[in-house]
PDB file of N, CA and C in Angstrom:
ATOM      1  N   UNK A   1     -47.609   7.554 -95.135  1.00  0.00           N
ATOM      2  CA  UNK A   1     -46.333   8.220 -96.112  1.00  0.00           C
ATOM      3  C   UNK A   1     -46.496   8.206 -97.559  1.00  0.00           C
ATOM      4  N   UNK A   2     -46.050   9.105 -97.993  1.00  0.00           N
ATOM      5  CA  UNK A   2     -46.696   9.673 -99.045  1.00  0.00           C
ATOM      6  C   UNK A   2     -45.663   8.433-100.099  1.00  0.00           C
ATOM      7  N   UNK A   3     -46.475   7.978-100.808  1.00  0.00           N
ATOM      8  CA  UNK A   3     -45.650   7.136-101.898  1.00  0.00           C
ATOM      9  C   UNK A   3     -45.185   7.572-103.317  1.00  0.00           C
ATOM     10  N   UNK A   4     -46.302   7.899-103.837  1.00  0.00           N
ATOM     11  CA  UNK A   4     -46.661   8.715-105.207  1.00  0.00           C
ATOM     12  C   UNK A   4     -47.188   9.982-105.238  1.00  0.00           C
ATOM     13  N   UNK A   5     -46.853  10.894-106.365  1.00  0.00           N
ATOM     14  CA  UNK A   5     -47.289  12.157-106.569  1.00  0.00           C
ATOM     15  C   UNK A   5     -47.726  12.044-108.199  1.00  0.00           C
ATOM     16  N   UNK A   6     -49.146  12.104-108.595  1.00  0.00           N
ATOM     17  CA  UNK A   6     -49.296  12.024-109.930  1.00  0.00           C
ATOM     18  C   UNK A   6     -49.651  13.485-110.503  1.00  0.00           C
ATOM     19  N   UNK A   7     -48.776  13.857-111.556  1.00  0.00           N
ATOM     20  CA  UNK A   7     -49.057  15.255-112.174  1.00  0.00           C
ATOM     21  C   UNK A   7     -50.166  14.737-113.325  1.00  0.00           C
ATOM     22  N   UNK A   8     -50.962  15.613-113.359  1.00  0.00           N
ATOM     23  CA  UNK A   8     -51.946  15.237-114.510  1.00  0.00           C
ATOM     24  C   UNK A   8     -51.597  15.715-115.490  1.00  0.00           C
ATOM     25  N   UNK A   9     -51.584  17.115-115.516  1.00  0.00           N
ATOM     26  CA  UNK A   9     -50.893  17.991-116.867  1.00  0.00           C
ATOM     27  C   UNK A   9     -50.238  18.806-116.665  1.00  0.00           C
ATOM     28  N   UNK A  10     -49.777  19.553-117.428  1.00  0.00           N
ATOM     29  CA  UNK A  10     -48.206  20.685-117.297  1.00  0.00           C
ATOM     30  C   UNK A  10     -48.821  22.062-116.689  1.00  0.00           C
ATOM     31  N   UNK A  11     -49.797  22.183-116.156  1.00  0.00           N
ATOM     32  CA  UNK A  11     -50.242  23.560-115.599  1.00  0.00           C
ATOM     33  C   UNK A  11     -49.445  23.850-114.258  1.00  0.00           C
ATOM     34  N   UNK A  12     -48.822  24.808-113.831  1.00  0.00           N
ATOM     35  CA  UNK A  12     -47.993  24.894-112.600  1.00  0.00           C
ATOM     36  C   UNK A  12     -48.506  24.718-111.153  1.00  0.00           C
ATOM     37  N   UNK A  13     -50.203  24.930-111.306  1.00  0.00           N
ATOM     38  CA  UNK A  13     -50.655  24.508-109.936  1.00  0.00           C
ATOM     39  C   UNK A  13     -50.876  23.328-109.757  1.00  0.00           C
ATOM     40  N   UNK A  14     -50.230  22.384-110.782  1.00  0.00           N
ATOM     41  CA  UNK A  14     -50.485  20.516-110.391  1.00  0.00           C
ATOM     42  C   UNK A  14     -49.143  20.145-110.359  1.00  0.00           C
ATOM     43  N   UNK A  15     -48.134  21.115-110.297  1.00  0.00           N
ATOM     44  CA  UNK A  15     -46.759  20.357-109.872  1.00  0.00           C
ATOM     45  C   UNK A  15     -45.844  21.285-109.562  1.00  0.00           C
ATOM     46  N   UNK A  16     -45.899  22.523-109.340  1.00  0.00           N
ATOM     47  CA  UNK A  16     -45.113  23.530-108.235  1.00  0.00           C
ATOM     48  C   UNK A  16     -44.651  23.102-107.318  1.00  0.00           C
ATOM     49  N   UNK A  17     -45.313  22.338-106.540  1.00  0.00           N
ATOM     50  CA  UNK A  17     -44.975  22.130-105.079  1.00  0.00           C
ATOM     51  C   UNK A  17     -44.575  20.516-105.417  1.00  0.00           C
ATOM     52  N   UNK A  18     -44.007  19.761-106.441  1.00  0.00           N
ATOM     53  CA  UNK A  18     -43.659  18.501-106.334  1.00  0.00           C
ATOM     54  C   UNK A  18     -42.316  18.155-105.784  1.00  0.00           C
ATOM     55  N   UNK A  19     -41.372  19.540-105.931  1.00  0.00           N
ATOM     56  CA  UNK A  19     -39.837  19.533-105.353  1.00  0.00           C
ATOM     57  C   UNK A  19     -40.154  19.153-103.831  1.00  0.00           C
ATOM     58  N   UNK A  20     -40.982  19.915-103.502  1.00  0.00           N
ATOM     59  CA  UNK A  20     -40.856  20.166-101.789  1.00  0.00           C
ATOM     60  C   UNK A  20     -41.516  18.947-101.122  1.00  0.00           C
ATOM     61  N   UNK A  21     -42.729  18.448-102.025  1.00  0.00           N
ATOM     62  CA  UNK A  21     -42.900  17.282-101.753  1.00  0.00           C
ATOM     63  C   UNK A  21     -42.022  16.077-101.546  1.00  0.00           C
ATOM     64  N   UNK A  22     -41.428  15.901-102.444  1.00  0.00           N
ATOM     65  CA  UNK A  22     -40.056  14.626-102.912  1.00  0.00           C
ATOM     66  C   UNK A  22     -39.131  15.223-102.009  1.00  0.00           C
ATOM     67  N   UNK A  23     -38.692  16.523-101.520  1.00  0.00           N
ATOM     68  CA  UNK A  23     -37.832  16.584-100.563  1.00  0.00           C
ATOM     69  C   UNK A  23     -38.228  15.957 -99.077  1.00  0.00           C
ATOM     70  N   UNK A  24     -39.298  16.281 -99.077  1.00  0.00           N
ATOM     71  CA  UNK A  24     -39.923  15.528 -97.673  1.00  0.00           C
ATOM     72  C   UNK A  24     -40.308  14.404 -97.349  1.00  0.00           C
ATOM     73  N   UNK A  25     -40.288  13.871 -98.681  1.00  0.00           N
ATOM     74  CA  UNK A  25     -40.994  12.249 -98.749  1.00  0.00           C
ATOM     75  C   UNK A  25     -39.684  11.387 -99.806  1.00  0.00           C
ATOM     76  N   UNK A  26     -38.478  11.534 -99.520  1.00  0.00           N
ATOM     77  CA  UNK A  26     -37.407  11.055-100.058  1.00  0.00           C
ATOM     78  C   UNK A  26     -37.716   9.728-101.328  1.00  0.00           C
ATOM     79  N   UNK A  27     -38.484   9.011-100.695  1.00  0.00           N
ATOM     80  CA  UNK A  27     -38.818   7.861-101.493  1.00  0.00           C
ATOM     81  C   UNK A  27     -39.709   7.605-102.137  1.00  0.00           C
ATOM     82  N   UNK A  28     -40.789   8.620-102.267  1.00  0.00           N
ATOM     83  CA  UNK A  28     -41.638   8.979-103.249  1.00  0.00           C
ATOM     84  C   UNK A  28     -41.437   9.249-104.439  1.00  0.00           C
ATOM     85  N   UNK A  29     -42.304   8.983-105.475  1.00  0.00           N
ATOM     86  CA  UNK A  29     -42.120   9.459-106.897  1.00  0.00           C
ATOM     87  C   UNK A  29     -42.774  10.162-107.182  1.00  0.00           C
ATOM     88  N   UNK A  30     -42.412  11.093-108.177  1.00  0.00           N
ATOM     89  CA  UNK A  30     -43.364  11.958-109.347  1.00  0.00           C
ATOM     90  C   UNK A  30     -43.494  11.328-110.248  1.00  0.00           C
ATOM     91  N   UNK A  31     -44.684  10.954-110.627  1.00  0.00           N
ATOM     92  CA  UNK A  31     -45.111  10.296-111.902  1.00  0.00           C
ATOM     93  C   UNK A  31     -46.291  11.390-113.022  1.00  0.00           C
ATOM     94  N   UNK A  32     -45.901  11.129-114.040  1.00  0.00           N
ATOM     95  CA  UNK A  32     -47.033  12.146-115.108  1.00  0.00           C
ATOM     96  C   UNK A  32     -47.758  11.297-115.832  1.00  0.00           C
ATOM     97  N   UNK A  33     -48.767  11.753-116.702  1.00  0.00           N
ATOM     98  CA  UNK A  33     -49.495  11.200-117.202  1.00  0.00           C
ATOM     99  C   UNK A  33     -48.939  10.397-118.378  1.00  0.00           C
ATOM    100  N   UNK A  34     -49.677   9.159-119.062  1.00  0.00           N
ATOM    101  CA  UNK A  34     -48.953   8.394-119.965  1.00  0.00           C
ATOM    102  C   UNK A  34     -48.590   9.278-121.312  1.00  0.00           C
ATOM    103  N   UNK A  35     -49.338  10.657-121.489  1.00  0.00           N
ATOM    104  CA  UNK A  35     -48.965  11.352-122.667  1.00  0.00           C
ATOM    105  C   UNK A  35     -47.730  12.253-122.161  1.00  0.00           C
ATOM    106  N   UNK A  36     -46.605  11.591-121.802  1.00  0.00           N
ATOM    107  CA  UNK A  36     -45.362  12.193-120.941  1.00  0.00           C
ATOM    108  C   UNK A  36     -45.054  13.287-122.131  1.00  0.00           C
ATOM    109  N   UNK A  37     -44.877  13.396-123.246  1.00  0.00           N
ATOM    110  CA  UNK A  37     -43.896  14.196-123.847  1.00  0.00           C
ATOM    111  C   UNK A  37     -44.745  15.566-123.677  1.00  0.00           C
ATOM    112  N   UNK A  38     -45.879  15.841-123.803  1.00  0.00           N
ATOM    113  CA  UNK A  38     -46.939  16.888-124.001  1.00  0.00           C
ATOM    114  C   UNK A  38     -46.827  17.282-122.359  1.00  0.00           C
ATOM    115  N   UNK A  39     -46.821  16.354-121.542  1.00  0.00           N
ATOM    116  CA  UNK A  39     -46.567  16.541-120.079  1.00  0.00           C
ATOM    117  C   UNK A  39     -45.513  17.518-119.779  1.00  0.00           C
ATOM    118  N   UNK A  40     -44.538  16.941-120.276  1.00  0.00           N
ATOM    119  CA  UNK A  40     -43.133  17.507-120.192  1.00  0.00           C
ATOM    120  C   UNK A  40     -42.966  18.749-120.568  1.00  0.00           C
ATOM    121  N   UNK A  41     -43.466  18.865-121.665  1.00  0.00           N
ATOM    122  CA  UNK A  41     -43.243  20.210-122.332  1.00  0.00           C
ATOM    123  C   UNK A  41     -44.186  21.220-121.790  1.00  0.00           C
ATOM    124  N   UNK A  42     -45.164  20.746-121.056  1.00  0.00           N
ATOM    125  CA  UNK A  42     -46.250  21.636-120.460  1.00  0.00           C
ATOM    126  C   UNK A  42     -45.255  22.488-119.277  1.00  0.00           C
ATOM    127  N   UNK A  43     -45.008  21.527-118.429  1.00  0.00           N
ATOM    128  CA  UNK A  43     -43.910  21.361-117.318  1.00  0.00           C
ATOM    129  C   UNK A  43     -42.836  22.375-117.550  1.00  0.00           C
ATOM    130  N   UNK A  44     -42.134  22.351-118.828  1.00  0.00           N
ATOM    131  CA  UNK A  44     -40.959  23.152-118.957  1.00  0.00           C
ATOM    132  C   UNK A  44     -41.294  24.398-119.385  1.00  0.00           C
ATOM    133  N   UNK A  45     -42.670  24.772-120.022  1.00  0.00           N
ATOM    134  CA  UNK A  45     -43.111  26.027-120.236  1.00  0.00           C
ATOM    135  C   UNK A  45     -43.535  26.866-119.222  1.00  0.00           C
ATOM    136  N   UNK A  46     -44.251  26.049-118.184  1.00  0.00           N
ATOM    137  CA  UNK A  46     -44.905  26.927-116.962  1.00  0.00           C
ATOM    138  C   UNK A  46     -43.333  27.317-116.059  1.00  0.00           C
ATOM    139  N   UNK A  47     -42.428  26.493-116.267  1.00  0.00           N
ATOM    140  CA  UNK A  47     -41.227  26.565-115.480  1.00  0.00           C
ATOM    141  C   UNK A  47     -40.671  28.396-116.022  1.00  0.00           C
ATOM    142  N   UNK A  48     -40.311  28.276-117.153  1.00  0.00           N
ATOM    143  CA  UNK A  48     -39.749  29.071-118.067  1.00  0.00           C
ATOM    144  C   UNK A  48     -40.765  30.483-117.907  1.00  0.00           C
ATOM    145  N   UNK A  49     -42.273  30.513-117.787  1.00  0.00           N
ATOM    146  CA  UNK A  49     -42.798  31.389-117.462  1.00  0.00           C
ATOM    147  C   UNK A  49     -43.177  32.047-116.240  1.00  0.00           C
ATOM    148  N   UNK A  50     -42.650  31.135-115.009  1.00  0.00           N
ATOM    149  CA  UNK A  50     -42.892  31.390-114.157  1.00  0.00           C
ATOM    150  C   UNK A  50     -42.587  32.648-113.516  1.00  0.00           C
ATOM    151  N   UNK A  51     -43.842  33.486-112.536  1.00  0.00           N
ATOM    152  CA  UNK A  51     -43.061  34.735-111.886  1.00  0.00           C
ATOM    153  C   UNK A  51     -42.656  34.839-110.369  1.00  0.00           C
ATOM    154  N   UNK A  52     -42.199  33.329-110.244  1.00  0.00           N
ATOM    155  CA  UNK A  52     -41.636  33.154-108.834  1.00  0.00           C
ATOM    156  C   UNK A  52     -40.374  32.181-109.087  1.00  0.00           C
ATOM    157  N   UNK A  53     -39.437  32.257-109.628  1.00  0.00           N
ATOM    158  CA  UNK A  53     -38.476  31.512-110.257  1.00  0.00           C
ATOM    159  C   UNK A  53     -37.733  31.204-108.887  1.00  0.00           C
ATOM    160  N   UNK A  54     -37.505  32.000-107.749  1.00  0.00           N
ATOM    161  CA  UNK A  54     -36.637  31.811-106.930  1.00  0.00           C
ATOM    162  C   UNK A  54     -37.379  30.427-106.048  1.00  0.00           C
ATOM    163  N   UNK A  55     -38.552  30.517-106.175  1.00  0.00           N
ATOM    164  CA  UNK A  55     -39.254  29.574-105.212  1.00  0.00           C
ATOM    165  C   UNK A  55     -39.905  28.072-105.633  1.00  0.00           C
ATOM    166  N   UNK A  56     -39.465  28.114-106.904  1.00  0.00           N
ATOM    167  CA  UNK A  56     -39.676  26.802-107.810  1.00  0.00           C
ATOM    168  C   UNK A  56     -38.332  26.141-108.381  1.00  0.00           C
ATOM    169  N   UNK A  57     -38.500  24.766-107.924  1.00  0.00           N
ATOM    170  CA  UNK A  57     -37.252  23.931-108.353  1.00  0.00           C
ATOM    171  C   UNK A  57     -36.696  23.971-109.600  1.00  0.00           C
ATOM    172  N   UNK A  58     -35.891  24.034-109.968  1.00  0.00           N
ATOM    173  CA  UNK A  58     -35.209  24.212-111.623  1.00  0.00           C
ATOM    174  C   UNK A  58     -35.593  22.649-111.769  1.00  0.00           C
ATOM    175  N   UNK A  59     -35.269  21.694-110.980  1.00  0.00           N
ATOM    176  CA  UNK A  59     -35.282  20.242-111.770  1.00  0.00           C
ATOM    177  C   UNK A  59     -36.621  19.535-110.925  1.00  0.00           C
ATOM    178  N   UNK A  60     -37.500  18.991-111.667  1.00  0.00           N
ATOM    179  CA  UNK A  60     -38.281  18.118-111.364  1.00  0.00           C
ATOM    180  C   UNK A  60     -38.165  16.841-111.381  1.00  0.00           C
ATOM    181  N   UNK A  61     -38.296  15.917-110.334  1.00  0.00           N
ATOM    182  CA  UNK A  61     -37.851  14.526-110.770  1.00  0.00           C
ATOM    183  C   UNK A  61     -39.616  13.851-110.950  1.00  0.00           C
ATOM    184  N   UNK A  62     -39.746  13.700-112.073  1.00  0.00           N
ATOM    185  CA  UNK A  62     -40.668  12.960-112.486  1.00  0.00           C
ATOM    186  C   UNK A  62     -40.543  11.699-113.648  1.00  0.00           C
ATOM    187  N   UNK A  63     -41.258  10.752-113.801  1.00  0.00           N
ATOM    188  CA  UNK A  63     -41.113   9.744-114.391  1.00  0.00           C
ATOM    189  C   UNK A  63     -42.710   9.473-115.333  1.00  0.00           C
ATOM    190  N   UNK A  64     -42.669   8.903-116.579  1.00  0.00           N
ATOM    191  CA  UNK A  64     -43.936   8.514-117.111  1.00  0.00           C
ATOM    192  C   UNK A  64     -44.312   7.298-116.728  1.00  0.00           C
ATOM    193  N   UNK A  65     -45.873   7.386-116.400  1.00  0.00           N
ATOM    194  CA  UNK A  65     -46.431   6.370-115.597  1.00  0.00           C
ATOM    195  C   UNK A  65     -46.493   5.667-116.591  1.00  0.00           C
ATOM    196  N   UNK A  66     -46.557   4.112-116.404  1.00  0.00           N
ATOM    197  CA  UNK A  66     -46.290   3.303-117.284  1.00  0.00           C
ATOM    198  C   UNK A  66     -47.390   2.585-117.466  1.00  0.00           C
ATOM    199  N   UNK A  67     -48.626   2.970-117.020  1.00  0.00           N
ATOM    200  CA  UNK A  67     -50.322   2.227-117.728  1.00  0.00           C
ATOM    201  C   UNK A  67     -50.895   3.315-117.357  1.00  0.00           C
ATOM    202  N   UNK A  68     -52.198   3.292-117.996  1.00  0.00           N
ATOM    203  CA  UNK A  68     -53.252   4.142-117.507  1.00  0.00           C
ATOM    204  C   UNK A  68     -54.116   3.392-116.272  1.00  0.00           C
TER     205      UNK A  68
END
């Protein structure tokens, strides 16, 4: 069972599949690096520039990683 998915930075190839994983494993969590604000900004920028808007979830459930 998947418990956690760790997004290391805001490039689409590191998080575009997060929504599908969290749908499949509803008790899992998506977490991002401790540099949360920079990662979050990267995620938003990648979503806005995506060539596949229909295939990428608009909302990503992620939370900041609490420690390094």
